[in-house]
Amino acid sequence: MNPATYPYALGAIAVIWAVTYALRAFPFVALRGKEESPLVGLIATSMPLGVMVILVIFALMDTDFGSLASWMPAAGGILVTVAIHFKWANAMVSIVAGVATYWALGILLI
């Protein structure tokens, strides 16, 4: 990189940092004092289900059910996610385990 472009690069990094920080801080600032709101309660209870539905749709989107290497990772990931969620009722653990299973089976069956 040319030393003459350092100020532009630093400026771009500063803008990226400021936008990222603002976007991550916005929900906390916007919802301050609204913890008891019915809308916030609804979002808190429905968000994990929404994330799981999106992951299931993504996993099945390009699935070719005629090929084992195509549907087995998706089925394995979904089954692991459901089993772990019913066992421990922890959305984060079940989502991470399901995605990891999907990824591992996808690598192993190629």
Foldseek 3Di string as FASTA:
>chain_A
DDPVCVVVVVVVVVVVVVVVVCVVCVVVVVCVPVCVPPVVVVCVVCVLVVVVVVVLCVLPVPADVVDCLRCVLSVQLNVQLVVVCVVPVDSVVSNVSSVVSSVVSNVVSD
